[in-house]
Amino acid sequence: MARRILRWPSAPPVARSGHPYRDAALLHAALAGLIVAFAWLSGGSTGKALVVALAYLVAATAWSWFRLHQRRRRAAAAEHEP
């Protein structure tokens, strides 16, 4: 029996944002806000939640920026390869 390969038309390319560093920071700020909101709504300590949210915001944003920088550096290196 012959094997068939299903093919779908490829999706149009996704337009990337011109501000990926800002977008990453805003996403992580929103998630940090959810940490604080969850603590407040559940009756937990909002002070502790603020500390956790701030630590999350700094660590996650730094990681995202590091990975974005790596991706751009690799793309630039790939452009210059013969």
PDB file of N, CA and C in Angstrom:
ATOM      1  N   MET A   1       0.852  -1.172   0.000  1.00  0.00           N
ATOM      2  CA  MET A   1       0.000   0.000   0.000  1.00  0.00           C
ATOM      3  C   MET A   1       0.901   1.239   0.000  1.00  0.00           C
ATOM      4  N   ALA A   2       0.593   2.172  -0.853  1.00  0.00           N
ATOM      5  CA  ALA A   2       1.397   3.398  -0.954  1.00  0.00           C
ATOM      6  C   ALA A   2       1.083   4.320   0.223  1.00  0.00           C
ATOM      7  N   ARG A   3       2.106   4.934   0.692  1.00  0.00           N
ATOM      8  CA  ARG A   3       1.942   5.860   1.820  1.00  0.00           C
ATOM      9  C   ARG A   3       1.622   7.246   1.285  1.00  0.00           C
ATOM     10  N   ARG A   4       0.575   7.852   1.838  1.00  0.00           N
ATOM     11  CA  ARG A   4       0.179   9.187   1.393  1.00  0.00           C
ATOM     12  C   ARG A   4       0.618  10.211   2.414  1.00  0.00           C
ATOM     13  N   ILE A   5       1.059  11.318   1.934  1.00  0.00           N
ATOM     14  CA  ILE A   5       1.448  12.421   2.796  1.00  0.00           C
ATOM     15  C   ILE A   5       0.432  13.540   2.608  1.00  0.00           C
ATOM     16  N   LEU A   6      -0.187  13.895   3.688  1.00  0.00           N
ATOM     17  CA  LEU A   6      -1.170  14.981   3.632  1.00  0.00           C
ATOM     18  C   LEU A   6      -0.444  16.322   3.660  1.00  0.00           C
ATOM     19  N   ARG A   7      -0.875  17.214   2.840  1.00  0.00           N
ATOM     20  CA  ARG A   7      -0.267  18.548   2.800  1.00  0.00           C
ATOM     21  C   ARG A   7      -1.374  19.600   2.883  1.00  0.00           C
ATOM     22  N   TRP A   8      -1.158  20.542   3.745  1.00  0.00           N
ATOM     23  CA  TRP A   8      -2.064  21.672   3.876  1.00  0.00           C
ATOM     24  C   TRP A   8      -1.343  22.908   3.380  1.00  0.00           C
ATOM     25  N   PRO A   9      -2.103  23.851   2.866  1.00  0.00           N
ATOM     26  CA  PRO A   9      -1.423  25.089   2.451  1.00  0.00           C
ATOM     27  C   PRO A   9      -0.774  25.744   3.671  1.00  0.00           C
ATOM     28  N   SER A  10       0.421  26.243   3.469  1.00  0.00           N
ATOM     29  CA  SER A  10       1.123  26.840   4.605  1.00  0.00           C
ATOM     30  C   SER A  10       0.460  28.151   5.002  1.00  0.00           C
ATOM     31  N   ALA A  11       0.520  28.405   6.278  1.00  0.00           N
ATOM     32  CA  ALA A  11      -0.092  29.619   6.817  1.00  0.00           C
ATOM     33  C   ALA A  11       0.740  30.829   6.413  1.00  0.00           C
ATOM     34  N   PRO A  12       0.093  31.969   6.291  1.00  0.00           N
ATOM     35  CA  PRO A  12       0.863  33.167   5.964  1.00  0.00           C
ATOM     36  C   PRO A  12       1.837  33.481   7.093  1.00  0.00           C
ATOM     37  N   PRO A  13       2.959  34.082   6.777  1.00  0.00           N
ATOM     38  CA  PRO A  13       3.924  34.388   7.830  1.00  0.00           C
ATOM     39  C   PRO A  13       3.331  35.351   8.866  1.00  0.00           C
ATOM     40  N   VAL A  14       3.664  35.109  10.107  1.00  0.00           N
ATOM     41  CA  VAL A  14       3.155  35.925  11.194  1.00  0.00           C
ATOM     42  C   VAL A  14       3.993  37.197  11.277  1.00  0.00           C
ATOM     43  N   ALA A  15       3.319  38.315  11.338  1.00  0.00           N
ATOM     44  CA  ALA A  15       4.038  39.582  11.464  1.00  0.00           C
ATOM     45  C   ALA A  15       4.598  39.692  12.876  1.00  0.00           C
ATOM     46  N   ARG A  16       5.878  39.894  12.970  1.00  0.00           N
ATOM     47  CA  ARG A  16       6.507  40.019  14.281  1.00  0.00           C
ATOM     48  C   ARG A  16       6.484  41.471  14.725  1.00  0.00           C
ATOM     49  N   SER A  17       6.418  41.633  16.006  1.00  0.00           N
ATOM     50  CA  SER A  17       6.388  42.966  16.577  1.00  0.00           C
ATOM     51  C   SER A  17       7.727  43.662  16.372  1.00  0.00           C
ATOM     52  N   GLY A  18       7.687  44.953  16.244  1.00  0.00           N
ATOM     53  CA  GLY A  18       8.913  45.725  16.117  1.00  0.00           C
ATOM     54  C   GLY A  18       9.554  46.009  17.460  1.00  0.00           C
ATOM     55  N   HIS A  19       8.886  45.629  18.548  1.00  0.00           N
ATOM     56  CA  HIS A  19       9.376  45.905  19.897  1.00  0.00           C
ATOM     57  C   HIS A  19       9.324  44.650  20.763  1.00  0.00           C
ATOM     58  N   PRO A  20      10.121  43.641  20.453  1.00  0.00           N
ATOM     59  CA  PRO A  20      10.003  42.394  21.219  1.00  0.00           C
ATOM     60  C   PRO A  20      10.447  42.529  22.675  1.00  0.00           C
ATOM     61  N   TYR A  21      11.418  43.401  22.954  1.00  0.00           N
ATOM     62  CA  TYR A  21      11.878  43.573  24.338  1.00  0.00           C
ATOM     63  C   TYR A  21      10.780  44.207  25.189  1.00  0.00           C
ATOM     64  N   ARG A  22      10.130  45.221  24.637  1.00  0.00           N
ATOM     65  CA  ARG A  22       9.025  45.873  25.348  1.00  0.00           C
ATOM     66  C   ARG A  22       7.860  44.906  25.538  1.00  0.00           C
ATOM     67  N   ASP A  23       7.548  44.142  24.501  1.00  0.00           N
ATOM     68  CA  ASP A  23       6.440  43.201  24.580  1.00  0.00           C
ATOM     69  C   ASP A  23       6.680  42.142  25.650  1.00  0.00           C
ATOM     70  N   ALA A  24       7.919  41.664  25.751  1.00  0.00           N
ATOM     71  CA  ALA A  24       8.250  40.671  26.775  1.00  0.00           C
ATOM     72  C   ALA A  24       8.084  41.276  28.167  1.00  0.00           C
ATOM     73  N   ALA A  25       8.546  42.503  28.335  1.00  0.00           N
ATOM     74  CA  ALA A  25       8.426  43.161  29.638  1.00  0.00           C
ATOM     75  C   ALA A  25       6.957  43.371  30.008  1.00  0.00           C
ATOM     76  N   LEU A  26       6.135  43.775  29.045  1.00  0.00           N
ATOM     77  CA  LEU A  26       4.707  43.987  29.327  1.00  0.00           C
ATOM     78  C   LEU A  26       3.996  42.679  29.661  1.00  0.00           C
ATOM     79  N   LEU A  27       4.340  41.617  28.951  1.00  0.00           N
ATOM     80  CA  LEU A  27       3.737  40.315  29.246  1.00  0.00           C
ATOM     81  C   LEU A  27       4.070  39.876  30.666  1.00  0.00           C
ATOM     82  N   HIS A  28       5.336  39.985  31.044  1.00  0.00           N
ATOM     83  CA  HIS A  28       5.732  39.551  32.378  1.00  0.00           C
ATOM     84  C   HIS A  28       5.183  40.474  33.467  1.00  0.00           C
ATOM     85  N   ALA A  29       5.020  41.754  33.160  1.00  0.00           N
ATOM     86  CA  ALA A  29       4.401  42.668  34.127  1.00  0.00           C
ATOM     87  C   ALA A  29       2.934  42.281  34.350  1.00  0.00           C
ATOM     88  N   ALA A  30       2.245  41.904  33.288  1.00  0.00           N
ATOM     89  CA  ALA A  30       0.850  41.471  33.429  1.00  0.00           C
ATOM     90  C   ALA A  30       0.761  40.186  34.256  1.00  0.00           C
ATOM     91  N   LEU A  31       1.678  39.255  34.017  1.00  0.00           N
ATOM     92  CA  LEU A  31       1.667  38.014  34.798  1.00  0.00           C
ATOM     93  C   LEU A  31       2.023  38.277  36.262  1.00  0.00           C
ATOM     94  N   ALA A  32       2.929  39.214  36.503  1.00  0.00           N
ATOM     95  CA  ALA A  32       3.254  39.581  37.883  1.00  0.00           C
ATOM     96  C   ALA A  32       2.031  40.205  38.555  1.00  0.00           C
ATOM     97  N   GLY A  33       1.286  40.993  37.798  1.00  0.00           N
ATOM     98  CA  GLY A  33       0.051  41.567  38.322  1.00  0.00           C
ATOM     99  C   GLY A  33      -0.961  40.489  38.692  1.00  0.00           C
ATOM    100  N   LEU A  34      -1.000  39.419  37.896  1.00  0.00           N
ATOM    101  CA  LEU A  34      -1.901  38.308  38.216  1.00  0.00           C
ATOM    102  C   LEU A  34      -1.492  37.606  39.511  1.00  0.00           C
ATOM    103  N   ILE A  35      -0.203  37.530  39.770  1.00  0.00           N
ATOM    104  CA  ILE A  35       0.275  36.934  41.028  1.00  0.00           C
ATOM    105  C   ILE A  35      -0.261  37.732  42.216  1.00  0.00           C
ATOM    106  N   VAL A  36      -0.138  39.053  42.123  1.00  0.00           N
ATOM    107  CA  VAL A  36      -0.601  39.919  43.209  1.00  0.00           C
ATOM    108  C   VAL A  36      -2.123  39.860  43.315  1.00  0.00           C
ATOM    109  N   ALA A  37      -2.809  39.886  42.185  1.00  0.00           N
ATOM    110  CA  ALA A  37      -4.272  39.845  42.199  1.00  0.00           C
ATOM    111  C   ALA A  37      -4.780  38.534  42.803  1.00  0.00           C
ATOM    112  N   PHE A  38      -4.137  37.430  42.471  1.00  0.00           N
ATOM    113  CA  PHE A  38      -4.552  36.142  43.023  1.00  0.00           C
ATOM    114  C   PHE A  38      -4.362  36.116  44.537  1.00  0.00           C
ATOM    115  N   ALA A  39      -3.238  36.660  45.003  1.00  0.00           N
ATOM    116  CA  ALA A  39      -2.994  36.693  46.450  1.00  0.00           C
ATOM    117  C   ALA A  39      -4.035  37.562  47.148  1.00  0.00           C
ATOM    118  N   TRP A  40      -4.345  38.706  46.563  1.00  0.00           N
ATOM    119  CA  TRP A  40      -5.314  39.622  47.159  1.00  0.00           C
ATOM    120  C   TRP A  40      -6.704  38.998  47.186  1.00  0.00           C
ATOM    121  N   LEU A  41      -7.110  38.379  46.066  1.00  0.00           N
ATOM    122  CA  LEU A  41      -8.440  37.785  45.986  1.00  0.00           C
ATOM    123  C   LEU A  41      -8.592  36.564  46.894  1.00  0.00           C
ATOM    124  N   SER A  42      -7.496  35.860  47.119  1.00  0.00           N
ATOM    125  CA  SER A  42      -7.580  34.662  47.960  1.00  0.00           C
ATOM    126  C   SER A  42      -7.338  34.972  49.433  1.00  0.00           C
ATOM    127  N   GLY A  43      -7.097  36.242  49.751  1.00  0.00           N
ATOM    128  CA  GLY A  43      -6.896  36.622  51.143  1.00  0.00           C
ATOM    129  C   GLY A  43      -5.485  36.382  51.647  1.00  0.00           C
ATOM    130  N   GLY A  44      -4.563  36.177  50.733  1.00  0.00           N
ATOM    131  CA  GLY A  44      -3.169  35.952  51.116  1.00  0.00           C
ATOM    132  C   GLY A  44      -2.454  37.260  51.401  1.00  0.00           C
ATOM    133  N   SER A  45      -1.208  37.150  51.722  1.00  0.00           N
ATOM    134  CA  SER A  45      -0.399  38.321  52.030  1.00  0.00           C
ATOM    135  C   SER A  45       0.001  39.029  50.736  1.00  0.00           C
ATOM    136  N   THR A  46      -0.513  40.244  50.556  1.00  0.00           N
ATOM    137  CA  THR A  46      -0.172  40.976  49.336  1.00  0.00           C
ATOM    138  C   THR A  46       1.270  41.485  49.382  1.00  0.00           C
ATOM    139  N   GLY A  47       1.795  41.695  50.569  1.00  0.00           N
ATOM    140  CA  GLY A  47       3.192  42.117  50.680  1.00  0.00           C
ATOM    141  C   GLY A  47       4.135  41.039  50.167  1.00  0.00           C
ATOM    142  N   LYS A  48       3.894  39.811  50.591  1.00  0.00           N
ATOM    143  CA  LYS A  48       4.714  38.696  50.107  1.00  0.00           C
ATOM    144  C   LYS A  48       4.494  38.487  48.613  1.00  0.00           C
ATOM    145  N   ALA A  49       3.261  38.655  48.173  1.00  0.00           N
ATOM    146  CA  ALA A  49       2.961  38.486  46.754  1.00  0.00           C
ATOM    147  C   ALA A  49       3.678  39.537  45.914  1.00  0.00           C
ATOM    148  N   LEU A  50       3.769  40.760  46.436  1.00  0.00           N
ATOM    149  CA  LEU A  50       4.495  41.805  45.710  1.00  0.00           C
ATOM    150  C   LEU A  50       5.970  41.453  45.567  1.00  0.00           C
ATOM    151  N   VAL A  51       6.552  40.908  46.620  1.00  0.00           N
ATOM    152  CA  VAL A  51       7.967  40.510  46.563  1.00  0.00           C
ATOM    153  C   VAL A  51       8.155  39.389  45.545  1.00  0.00           C
ATOM    154  N   VAL A  52       7.274  38.395  45.574  1.00  0.00           N
ATOM    155  CA  VAL A  52       7.359  37.276  44.630  1.00  0.00           C
ATOM    156  C   VAL A  52       7.132  37.771  43.203  1.00  0.00           C
ATOM    157  N   ALA A  53       6.145  38.647  43.031  1.00  0.00           N
ATOM    158  CA  ALA A  53       5.845  39.169  41.704  1.00  0.00           C
ATOM    159  C   ALA A  53       7.005  39.988  41.161  1.00  0.00           C
ATOM    160  N   LEU A  54       7.639  40.783  42.018  1.00  0.00           N
ATOM    161  CA  LEU A  54       8.784  41.578  41.572  1.00  0.00           C
ATOM    162  C   LEU A  54       9.957  40.678  41.203  1.00  0.00           C
ATOM    163  N   ALA A  55      10.197  39.653  42.000  1.00  0.00           N
ATOM    164  CA  ALA A  55      11.275  38.706  41.689  1.00  0.00           C
ATOM    165  C   ALA A  55      10.971  37.990  40.371  1.00  0.00           C
ATOM    166  N   TYR A  56       9.720  37.583  40.180  1.00  0.00           N
ATOM    167  CA  TYR A  56       9.326  36.946  38.919  1.00  0.00           C
ATOM    168  C   TYR A  56       9.539  37.900  37.752  1.00  0.00           C
ATOM    169  N   LEU A  57       9.095  39.144  37.899  1.00  0.00           N
ATOM    170  CA  LEU A  57       9.204  40.128  36.830  1.00  0.00           C
ATOM    171  C   LEU A  57      10.657  40.334  36.413  1.00  0.00           C
ATOM    172  N   VAL A  58      11.540  40.494  37.371  1.00  0.00           N
ATOM    173  CA  VAL A  58      12.949  40.725  37.063  1.00  0.00           C
ATOM    174  C   VAL A  58      13.566  39.493  36.404  1.00  0.00           C
ATOM    175  N   ALA A  59      13.348  38.322  36.983  1.00  0.00           N
ATOM    176  CA  ALA A  59      13.968  37.103  36.457  1.00  0.00           C
ATOM    177  C   ALA A  59      13.420  36.741  35.072  1.00  0.00           C
ATOM    178  N   ALA A  60      12.109  36.773  34.901  1.00  0.00           N
ATOM    179  CA  ALA A  60      11.508  36.367  33.629  1.00  0.00           C
ATOM    180  C   ALA A  60      11.841  37.361  32.519  1.00  0.00           C
ATOM    181  N   THR A  61      11.818  38.643  32.832  1.00  0.00           N
ATOM    182  CA  THR A  61      12.147  39.645  31.826  1.00  0.00           C
ATOM    183  C   THR A  61      13.617  39.541  31.437  1.00  0.00           C
ATOM    184  N   ALA A  62      14.491  39.351  32.410  1.00  0.00           N
ATOM    185  CA  ALA A  62      15.911  39.196  32.096  1.00  0.00           C
ATOM    186  C   ALA A  62      16.139  37.973  31.216  1.00  0.00           C
ATOM    187  N   TRP A  63      15.475  36.875  31.515  1.00  0.00           N
ATOM    188  CA  TRP A  63      15.625  35.661  30.716  1.00  0.00           C
ATOM    189  C   TRP A  63      15.108  35.879  29.290  1.00  0.00           C
ATOM    190  N   SER A  64      13.966  36.526  29.159  1.00  0.00           N
ATOM    191  CA  SER A  64      13.406  36.785  27.839  1.00  0.00           C
ATOM    192  C   SER A  64      14.331  37.675  27.027  1.00  0.00           C
ATOM    193  N   TRP A  65      14.848  38.723  27.644  1.00  0.00           N
ATOM    194  CA  TRP A  65      15.749  39.626  26.933  1.00  0.00           C
ATOM    195  C   TRP A  65      17.031  38.920  26.537  1.00  0.00           C
ATOM    196  N   PHE A  66      17.542  38.053  27.413  1.00  0.00           N
ATOM    197  CA  PHE A  66      18.742  37.278  27.107  1.00  0.00           C
ATOM    198  C   PHE A  66      18.499  36.386  25.891  1.00  0.00           C
ATOM    199  N   ARG A  67      17.345  35.690  25.872  1.00  0.00           N
ATOM    200  CA  ARG A  67      17.038  34.801  24.761  1.00  0.00           C
ATOM    201  C   ARG A  67      16.798  35.575  23.459  1.00  0.00           C
ATOM    202  N   LEU A  68      16.145  36.729  23.546  1.00  0.00           N
ATOM    203  CA  LEU A  68      15.949  37.546  22.353  1.00  0.00           C
ATOM    204  C   LEU A  68      17.283  38.036  21.805  1.00  0.00           C
ATOM    205  N   HIS A  69      18.177  38.432  22.700  1.00  0.00           N
ATOM    206  CA  HIS A  69      19.503  38.887  22.288  1.00  0.00           C
ATOM    207  C   HIS A  69      20.272  37.751  21.617  1.00  0.00           C
ATOM    208  N   GLN A  70      20.193  36.551  22.175  1.00  0.00           N
ATOM    209  CA  GLN A  70      20.851  35.387  21.579  1.00  0.00           C
ATOM    210  C   GLN A  70      20.298  35.113  20.181  1.00  0.00           C
ATOM    211  N   ARG A  71      18.982  35.178  20.035  1.00  0.00           N
ATOM    212  CA  ARG A  71      18.350  34.910  18.740  1.00  0.00           C
ATOM    213  C   ARG A  71      18.812  35.926  17.702  1.00  0.00           C
ATOM    214  N   ARG A  72      18.857  37.195  18.078  1.00  0.00           N
ATOM    215  CA  ARG A  72      19.308  38.219  17.134  1.00  0.00           C
ATOM    216  C   ARG A  72      20.779  38.042  16.774  1.00  0.00           C
ATOM    217  N   ARG A  73      21.587  37.661  17.760  1.00  0.00           N
ATOM    218  CA  ARG A  73      23.007  37.458  17.503  1.00  0.00           C
ATOM    219  C   ARG A  73      23.211  36.274  16.553  1.00  0.00           C
ATOM    220  N   ARG A  74      22.452  35.185  16.751  1.00  0.00           N
ATOM    221  CA  ARG A  74      22.553  34.032  15.857  1.00  0.00           C
ATOM    222  C   ARG A  74      22.084  34.371  14.450  1.00  0.00           C
ATOM    223  N   ALA A  75      21.018  35.166  14.328  1.00  0.00           N
ATOM    224  CA  ALA A  75      20.520  35.551  13.016  1.00  0.00           C
ATOM    225  C   ALA A  75      21.535  36.420  12.289  1.00  0.00           C
ATOM    226  N   ALA A  76      22.185  37.318  13.026  1.00  0.00           N
ATOM    227  CA  ALA A  76      23.207  38.165  12.413  1.00  0.00           C
ATOM    228  C   ALA A  76      24.406  37.338  11.973  1.00  0.00           C
ATOM    229  N   ALA A  77      24.780  36.347  12.771  1.00  0.00           N
ATOM    230  CA  ALA A  77      25.907  35.481  12.417  1.00  0.00           C
ATOM    231  C   ALA A  77      25.563  34.636  11.196  1.00  0.00           C
ATOM    232  N   ALA A  78      24.312  34.186  11.097  1.00  0.00           N
ATOM    233  CA  ALA A  78      23.893  33.362   9.960  1.00  0.00           C
ATOM    234  C   ALA A  78      23.885  34.182   8.682  1.00  0.00           C
ATOM    235  N   GLU A  79      23.596  35.471   8.771  1.00  0.00           N
ATOM    236  CA  GLU A  79      23.622  36.350   7.598  1.00  0.00           C
ATOM    237  C   GLU A  79      25.024  36.492   7.037  1.00  0.00           C
ATOM    238  N   HIS A  80      26.023  36.491   7.906  1.00  0.00           N
ATOM    239  CA  HIS A  80      27.397  36.740   7.484  1.00  0.00           C
ATOM    240  C   HIS A  80      28.135  35.469   7.089  1.00  0.00           C
ATOM    241  N   GLU A  81      27.508  34.310   7.270  1.00  0.00           N
ATOM    242  CA  GLU A  81      28.156  33.059   6.883  1.00  0.00           C
ATOM    243  C   GLU A  81      28.130  32.926   5.375  1.00  0.00           C
ATOM    244  N   PRO A  82      29.207  32.407   4.808  1.00  0.00           N
ATOM    245  CA  PRO A  82      29.240  32.246   3.335  1.00  0.00           C
ATOM    246  C   PRO A  82      28.389  31.110   2.844  1.00  0.00           C
TER     247      PRO A  82
END
